[in-house]
């Protein structure tokens, strides 16, 4: 169980925010090009930051809590984190925006 805890946590984050796509009409997954364009700068910056930190030995990753699947020097869990957390943030942002538009009575909500 220990090697999969982090991936299970990331899966939980996705499951908790997934209803926002359908219930609050966040429309994050329904606009894949827009999602990809929003994610690209985040991925580039944080992957570069992570690789630099690893190369300089500023941090490392516990083999106890990672699967051992490596993407170069970076564990799979790091890439999953860089994908999941921004998407969850976008879902939350868009869901809250939808609720606020409805409260204001905007027609396009």
C-alpha atoms as a PDB file:
ATOM      1  CA  UNK A   1       0.000   0.000   0.000  1.00  0.00           C
ATOM      2  CA  UNK A   2       2.765   2.488   0.870  1.00  0.00           C
ATOM      3  CA  UNK A   3       4.171   2.818  -2.680  1.00  0.00           C
ATOM      4  CA  UNK A   4       0.709   3.717  -3.974  1.00  0.00           C
ATOM      5  CA  UNK A   5      -0.396   6.178  -1.275  1.00  0.00           C
ATOM      6  CA  UNK A   6       0.540   9.245  -3.296  1.00  0.00           C
ATOM      7  CA  UNK A   7      -1.161   8.022  -6.463  1.00  0.00           C
ATOM      8  CA  UNK A   8      -4.258   7.095  -4.438  1.00  0.00           C
ATOM      9  CA  UNK A   9      -4.271  10.610  -2.966  1.00  0.00           C
ATOM     10  CA  UNK A  10      -4.073  12.131  -6.460  1.00  0.00           C
ATOM     11  CA  UNK A  11      -6.919   9.859  -7.591  1.00  0.00           C
ATOM     12  CA  UNK A  12      -8.942  11.058  -4.609  1.00  0.00           C
ATOM     13  CA  UNK A  13      -8.359  14.669  -5.619  1.00  0.00           C
ATOM     14  CA  UNK A  14      -9.672  13.926  -9.100  1.00  0.00           C
ATOM     15  CA  UNK A  15     -12.699  12.048  -7.756  1.00  0.00           C
ATOM     16  CA  UNK A  16     -13.595  14.833  -5.322  1.00  0.00           C
ATOM     17  CA  UNK A  17     -13.456  17.557  -7.977  1.00  0.00           C
ATOM     18  CA  UNK A  18     -14.857  15.545 -10.917  1.00  0.00           C
ATOM     19  CA  UNK A  19     -18.503  16.261 -10.014  1.00  0.00           C
ATOM     20  CA  UNK A  20     -17.786  19.967 -10.517  1.00  0.00           C
ATOM     21  CA  UNK A  21     -17.524  19.246 -14.249  1.00  0.00           C
ATOM     22  CA  UNK A  22     -21.042  17.882 -14.387  1.00  0.00           C
ATOM     23  CA  UNK A  23     -22.985  19.366 -11.475  1.00  0.00           C
ATOM     24  CA  UNK A  24     -21.615  22.909 -11.613  1.00  0.00           C
ATOM     25  CA  UNK A  25     -20.840  22.819 -15.346  1.00  0.00           C
ATOM     26  CA  UNK A  26     -17.195  23.760 -14.895  1.00  0.00           C
ATOM     27  CA  UNK A  27     -16.524  22.698 -18.524  1.00  0.00           C
ATOM     28  CA  UNK A  28     -12.825  22.026 -17.958  1.00  0.00           C
ATOM     29  CA  UNK A  29     -12.652  18.555 -19.508  1.00  0.00           C
ATOM     30  CA  UNK A  30     -15.090  19.545 -22.266  1.00  0.00           C
ATOM     31  CA  UNK A  31     -12.571  22.057 -23.636  1.00  0.00           C
ATOM     32  CA  UNK A  32      -9.426  19.947 -24.040  1.00  0.00           C
ATOM     33  CA  UNK A  33      -7.478  22.442 -26.160  1.00  0.00           C
ATOM     34  CA  UNK A  34      -8.098  25.212 -23.659  1.00  0.00           C
ATOM     35  CA  UNK A  35      -7.117  22.865 -20.812  1.00  0.00           C
ATOM     36  CA  UNK A  36      -3.905  21.879 -22.599  1.00  0.00           C
ATOM     37  CA  UNK A  37      -2.999  25.523 -23.233  1.00  0.00           C
ATOM     38  CA  UNK A  38      -3.636  26.359 -19.575  1.00  0.00           C
ATOM     39  CA  UNK A  39      -1.584  23.383 -18.380  1.00  0.00           C
ATOM     40  CA  UNK A  40       1.414  23.765 -20.675  1.00  0.00           C
ATOM     41  CA  UNK A  41       3.128  26.706 -18.918  1.00  0.00           C
ATOM     42  CA  UNK A  42       2.561  25.084 -15.524  1.00  0.00           C
ATOM     43  CA  UNK A  43       4.026  21.793 -16.648  1.00  0.00           C
ATOM     44  CA  UNK A  44       7.055  23.382 -18.304  1.00  0.00           C
ATOM     45  CA  UNK A  45       7.924  25.572 -15.307  1.00  0.00           C
ATOM     46  CA  UNK A  46       7.369  23.001 -12.587  1.00  0.00           C
ATOM     47  CA  UNK A  47       8.992  20.075 -14.373  1.00  0.00           C
ATOM     48  CA  UNK A  48      12.044  22.233 -15.091  1.00  0.00           C
ATOM     49  CA  UNK A  49      12.062  23.393 -11.454  1.00  0.00           C
ATOM     50  CA  UNK A  50      11.804  19.820 -10.218  1.00  0.00           C
ATOM     51  CA  UNK A  51      14.533  18.529 -12.516  1.00  0.00           C
ATOM     52  CA  UNK A  52      16.826  21.351 -11.431  1.00  0.00           C
ATOM     53  CA  UNK A  53      16.159  20.587  -7.767  1.00  0.00           C
ATOM     54  CA  UNK A  54      16.904  16.908  -8.336  1.00  0.00           C
ATOM     55  CA  UNK A  55      20.083  17.658 -10.311  1.00  0.00           C
ATOM     56  CA  UNK A  56      21.353  19.957  -7.535  1.00  0.00           C
ATOM     57  CA  UNK A  57      20.464  17.398  -4.858  1.00  0.00           C
ATOM     58  CA  UNK A  58      18.111  19.846  -3.142  1.00  0.00           C
ATOM     59  CA  UNK A  59      15.574  17.044  -2.707  1.00  0.00           C
ATOM     60  CA  UNK A  60      14.904  13.442  -3.479  1.00  0.00           C
ATOM     61  CA  UNK A  61      11.996  11.024  -3.232  1.00  0.00           C
ATOM     62  CA  UNK A  62      11.400   8.205  -0.803  1.00  0.00           C
ATOM     63  CA  UNK A  63      11.322   4.813  -2.501  1.00  0.00           C
ATOM     64  CA  UNK A  64       8.957   3.732   0.286  1.00  0.00           C
ATOM     65  CA  UNK A  65       6.215   6.102  -0.893  1.00  0.00           C
ATOM     66  CA  UNK A  66       6.761   6.015  -4.654  1.00  0.00           C
ATOM     67  CA  UNK A  67       6.125   3.244  -7.169  1.00  0.00           C
ATOM     68  CA  UNK A  68       9.671   3.248  -8.501  1.00  0.00           C
ATOM     69  CA  UNK A  69       8.492   4.234 -11.979  1.00  0.00           C
ATOM     70  CA  UNK A  70      10.907   6.951 -13.035  1.00  0.00           C
ATOM     71  CA  UNK A  71      10.623   9.479 -15.843  1.00  0.00           C
ATOM     72  CA  UNK A  72      14.295  10.229 -16.110  1.00  0.00           C
ATOM     73  CA  UNK A  73      15.309  11.373 -12.620  1.00  0.00           C
ATOM     74  CA  UNK A  74      11.731  12.311 -11.676  1.00  0.00           C
ATOM     75  CA  UNK A  75       9.250   9.806 -10.228  1.00  0.00           C
ATOM     76  CA  UNK A  76       5.915   9.267 -11.942  1.00  0.00           C
ATOM     77  CA  UNK A  77       4.123  10.676  -8.896  1.00  0.00           C
ATOM     78  CA  UNK A  78       5.633  14.118  -9.467  1.00  0.00           C
ATOM     79  CA  UNK A  79       4.300  14.343 -13.015  1.00  0.00           C
ATOM     80  CA  UNK A  80       0.898  13.114 -11.837  1.00  0.00           C
ATOM     81  CA  UNK A  81       0.924  15.840  -9.163  1.00  0.00           C
ATOM     82  CA  UNK A  82       1.775  18.509 -11.752  1.00  0.00           C
ATOM     83  CA  UNK A  83      -1.181  17.340 -13.870  1.00  0.00           C
ATOM     84  CA  UNK A  84      -3.807  16.617 -11.230  1.00  0.00           C
ATOM     85  CA  UNK A  85      -3.527  19.566  -8.854  1.00  0.00           C
ATOM     86  CA  UNK A  86      -3.805  22.318 -11.520  1.00  0.00           C
ATOM     87  CA  UNK A  87      -6.757  20.517 -13.116  1.00  0.00           C
ATOM     88  CA  UNK A  88      -8.469  20.275  -9.724  1.00  0.00           C
ATOM     89  CA  UNK A  89      -7.780  23.976  -9.229  1.00  0.00           C
ATOM     90  CA  UNK A  90      -9.279  24.824 -12.618  1.00  0.00           C
ATOM     91  CA  UNK A  91     -12.350  22.707 -11.904  1.00  0.00           C
ATOM     92  CA  UNK A  92     -12.832  24.474  -8.576  1.00  0.00           C
ATOM     93  CA  UNK A  93     -12.298  27.920 -10.097  1.00  0.00           C
ATOM     94  CA  UNK A  94     -14.737  27.298 -12.940  1.00  0.00           C
ATOM     95  CA  UNK A  95     -17.298  25.691 -10.618  1.00  0.00           C
ATOM     96  CA  UNK A  96     -17.219  28.639  -8.223  1.00  0.00           C
ATOM     97  CA  UNK A  97     -17.455  31.022 -11.199  1.00  0.00           C
ATOM     98  CA  UNK A  98     -20.551  29.208 -12.423  1.00  0.00           C
ATOM     99  CA  UNK A  99     -22.198  29.456  -9.001  1.00  0.00           C
ATOM    100  CA  UNK A 100     -21.384  33.170  -8.752  1.00  0.00           C
ATOM    101  CA  UNK A 101     -22.802  33.818 -12.235  1.00  0.00           C
ATOM    102  CA  UNK A 102     -26.025  32.045 -11.257  1.00  0.00           C
ATOM    103  CA  UNK A 103     -26.259  34.039  -8.023  1.00  0.00           C
ATOM    104  CA  UNK A 104     -25.874  37.271 -10.017  1.00  0.00           C
ATOM    105  CA  UNK A 105     -28.530  36.094 -12.449  1.00  0.00           C
ATOM    106  CA  UNK A 106     -26.320  36.165 -15.557  1.00  0.00           C
ATOM    107  CA  UNK A 107     -28.117  34.638 -18.540  1.00  0.00           C
ATOM    108  CA  UNK A 108     -25.176  32.543 -19.795  1.00  0.00           C
ATOM    109  CA  UNK A 109     -24.868  30.528 -16.565  1.00  0.00           C
END
